[in-house]
Amino acid sequence: MASSASKPRLALPGVEIEGEGLFPEKVVFTSSDVSLYYDALTSKPKDASIIDSALFAATQRSSLMQQIQRILLDKGYEKDDLIVDGDISINTKKDPDELELMLGRDLSSISLSIKVDCTLKERGKEWRVKGVLEVFGDSKGNLVVQSNMFTVNSSKYKVDLKYRLKSG
């Protein structure tokens, strides 16, 4: 989602994005190596216009993008440590306020239903992840993720997470 929401949109290796909005309709992962994401999210696209360069710089300064980049660095993924295959379908329940999401902490325009069907392979281990997540935000920078049935390798889970966006 971070690559799709970036202005201009950034390509991630092994990831195909379908749909034109801030949140894509579908994301397809084909042997996607997560160790390559940090460079992809921090590299300005070649042949970027002056406007695209300014938008890229603004996106890079957003709290959400900085946190995603920090998480990727902190995990320290090396080549082939984490490979993703599968797809994620996203149903946007209301139109997001792109400017507010990029500039501030107000996440209240986020309301999504996300269907996940992916396989994660990490250092010899494999997880089959399937389910539907409901994601919504609030004006204080909180994201809530919920699901009544989410499976990982046939084990069923109830998901109820609250994540607070930190200041950048």
Protein backbone atom coordinates (compact mmCIF):
# COMPACT_ATOMS: atom_id res chain seq x y z
CA MET A 1 0.00 0.00 0.00
CA ALA A 2 2.88 2.36 0.76
CA SER A 3 4.28 1.95 -2.74
CA SER A 4 0.85 2.50 -4.26
CA ALA A 5 0.12 5.56 -2.10
CA SER A 6 3.47 7.15 -2.88
CA LYS A 7 3.49 10.03 -5.32
CA PRO A 8 4.61 9.03 -7.89
CA ARG A 9 3.68 5.38 -7.40
CA LEU A 10 6.74 3.27 -6.60
CA ALA A 11 7.27 -0.23 -8.00
CA LEU A 12 8.21 -3.07 -5.64
CA PRO A 13 10.05 -6.10 -7.05
CA GLY A 14 7.69 -9.03 -7.62
CA VAL A 15 4.60 -6.93 -6.83
CA GLU A 16 1.93 -6.03 -9.35
CA ILE A 17 -0.64 -3.42 -8.38
CA GLU A 18 -4.09 -3.26 -9.98
CA GLY A 19 -6.27 -0.18 -9.64
CA GLU A 20 -5.60 3.53 -9.76
CA GLY A 21 -6.72 4.88 -6.38
CA LEU A 22 -4.72 5.59 -3.25
CA PHE A 23 -5.46 2.05 -2.13
CA PRO A 24 -5.15 -0.47 -4.95
CA GLU A 25 -7.94 -2.89 -5.77
CA LYS A 26 -5.57 -5.84 -5.85
CA VAL A 27 -1.93 -6.56 -5.08
CA VAL A 28 -0.34 -9.68 -6.58
CA PHE A 29 2.94 -11.02 -5.16
CA THR A 30 5.09 -13.30 -7.33
CA SER A 31 8.19 -14.55 -5.50
CA SER A 32 8.49 -11.07 -4.02
CA ASP A 33 11.65 -10.62 -1.92
CA VAL A 34 10.93 -8.26 1.00
CA SER A 35 14.65 -7.48 1.38
CA LEU A 36 14.37 -5.36 -1.79
CA TYR A 37 11.48 -3.19 -0.55
CA TYR A 38 13.50 -0.58 1.37
CA ASP A 39 15.56 0.42 -1.67
CA ALA A 40 12.45 0.46 -3.85
CA LEU A 41 10.59 2.71 -1.38
CA THR A 42 13.48 5.17 -0.96
CA SER A 43 14.70 5.49 -4.56
CA LYS A 44 13.31 8.37 -6.59
CA PRO A 45 12.02 7.08 -9.93
CA LYS A 46 14.31 7.73 -12.88
CA ASP A 47 13.11 10.42 -15.29
CA ALA A 48 10.91 12.00 -12.58
CA SER A 49 9.61 15.45 -13.48
CA ILE A 50 10.13 18.41 -11.15
CA ILE A 51 6.57 17.98 -9.84
CA ASP A 52 7.04 14.23 -9.34
CA SER A 53 10.32 14.92 -7.51
CA ALA A 54 8.58 17.35 -5.15
CA LEU A 55 5.73 14.90 -4.53
CA PHE A 56 8.24 12.09 -3.94
CA ALA A 57 10.08 14.23 -1.36
CA ALA A 58 6.80 15.03 0.44
CA THR A 59 5.80 11.36 0.49
CA GLN A 60 9.21 10.40 1.89
CA ARG A 61 8.70 12.81 4.80
CA SER A 62 5.29 11.41 5.76
CA SER A 63 5.10 9.68 9.15
CA LEU A 64 3.66 6.49 7.70
CA MET A 65 6.34 6.12 4.99
CA GLN A 66 9.12 6.83 7.50
CA GLN A 67 7.77 4.19 9.87
CA ILE A 68 7.49 1.59 7.10
CA GLN A 69 11.06 2.30 6.04
CA ARG A 70 12.27 2.09 9.67
CA ILE A 71 10.50 -1.24 10.17
CA LEU A 72 12.12 -2.66 7.02
CA LEU A 73 15.56 -1.52 8.18
CA ASP A 74 15.04 -2.80 11.73
CA LYS A 75 14.05 -6.26 10.45
CA GLY A 76 17.35 -6.46 8.59
CA TYR A 77 16.06 -8.72 5.85
CA GLU A 78 18.71 -10.16 3.57
CA LYS A 79 18.16 -11.63 0.11
CA ASP A 80 15.65 -14.52 0.18
CA ASP A 81 14.95 -14.14 3.95
CA LEU A 82 11.24 -13.45 3.32
CA ILE A 83 9.49 -14.28 0.05
CA VAL A 84 5.80 -13.52 -0.56
CA ASP A 85 3.48 -15.20 -3.09
CA GLY A 86 -0.27 -14.72 -3.45
CA ASP A 87 -2.67 -11.83 -3.57
CA ILE A 88 -4.48 -9.25 -1.51
CA SER A 89 -7.80 -7.74 -2.64
CA ILE A 90 -8.77 -4.39 -1.16
CA ASN A 91 -12.30 -2.98 -0.97
CA THR A 92 -12.29 0.72 -0.07
CA LYS A 93 -15.46 1.45 1.90
CA LYS A 94 -15.10 5.24 1.63
CA ASP A 95 -12.87 7.60 -0.32
CA PRO A 96 -9.63 8.34 1.55
CA ASP A 97 -8.46 11.93 2.05
CA GLU A 98 -5.10 11.63 0.29
CA LEU A 99 -3.76 15.01 1.36
CA GLU A 100 -4.60 14.50 5.03
CA LEU A 101 -3.11 11.00 5.00
CA MET A 102 0.10 12.25 3.41
CA LEU A 103 0.55 15.33 5.59
CA GLY A 104 -0.91 14.46 8.94
CA ARG A 105 -1.86 11.90 11.49
CA ASP A 106 -5.60 11.91 10.75
CA LEU A 107 -6.37 8.40 9.52
CA SER A 108 -10.16 8.69 9.87
CA SER A 109 -10.69 8.44 6.11
CA ILE A 110 -9.30 4.88 6.10
CA SER A 111 -11.99 2.21 5.97
CA LEU A 112 -11.01 -0.98 4.14
CA SER A 113 -11.93 -4.62 3.81
CA ILE A 114 -8.84 -6.63 2.85
CA LYS A 115 -8.99 -10.22 1.60
CA VAL A 116 -5.65 -11.98 2.03
CA ASP A 117 -4.53 -15.22 0.36
CA CYS A 118 -0.73 -15.42 0.58
CA THR A 119 2.16 -17.73 1.31
CA LEU A 120 5.12 -16.37 3.27
CA LYS A 121 8.42 -18.20 3.20
CA GLU A 122 10.94 -17.08 5.81
CA ARG A 123 14.27 -18.82 6.23
CA GLY A 124 12.95 -22.31 5.55
CA LYS A 125 9.58 -21.86 7.29
CA GLU A 126 6.32 -21.44 5.41
CA TRP A 127 3.02 -19.84 6.41
CA ARG A 128 -0.20 -19.99 4.43
CA VAL A 129 -2.19 -16.89 5.40
CA LYS A 130 -5.87 -16.54 4.50
CA GLY A 131 -8.76 -14.39 5.67
CA VAL A 132 -10.53 -11.04 5.58
CA LEU A 133 -9.34 -8.07 7.63
CA GLU A 134 -11.40 -4.97 8.40
CA VAL A 135 -9.13 -1.92 8.73
CA PHE A 136 -10.17 1.55 9.84
CA GLY A 137 -8.47 4.62 11.21
CA ASP A 138 -9.30 7.55 13.47
CA SER A 139 -8.34 11.21 13.79
CA LYS A 140 -5.72 10.47 16.48
CA GLY A 141 -3.47 8.36 14.25
CA ASN A 142 -4.80 4.94 15.29
CA LEU A 143 -5.33 2.07 12.88
CA VAL A 144 -7.58 -0.78 14.00
CA VAL A 145 -7.40 -4.18 12.29
CA GLN A 146 -10.06 -6.80 13.04
CA SER A 147 -11.10 -10.21 11.77
CA ASN A 148 -13.38 -12.89 13.15
CA MET A 149 -11.69 -15.61 11.14
CA PHE A 150 -8.15 -15.49 9.91
CA THR A 151 -6.12 -18.62 9.29
CA VAL A 152 -2.40 -19.26 9.35
CA ASN A 153 -1.48 -22.82 8.31
CA SER A 154 -5.04 -24.01 9.12
CA SER A 155 -4.99 -22.52 12.64
CA LYS A 156 -7.86 -20.06 13.13
CA TYR A 157 -7.31 -16.69 14.78
CA LYS A 158 -9.47 -13.79 15.86
CA VAL A 159 -7.65 -10.54 15.07
CA ASP A 160 -8.15 -7.37 17.08
CA LEU A 161 -5.16 -5.03 16.79
CA LYS A 162 -4.77 -1.33 17.41
CA TYR A 163 -1.70 0.41 16.01
CA ARG A 164 -0.85 4.02 16.83
CA LEU A 165 0.91 6.12 14.22
CA LYS A 166 4.00 7.75 15.74
CA SER A 167 5.08 11.27 14.88
CA GLY A 168 7.74 11.32 12.18
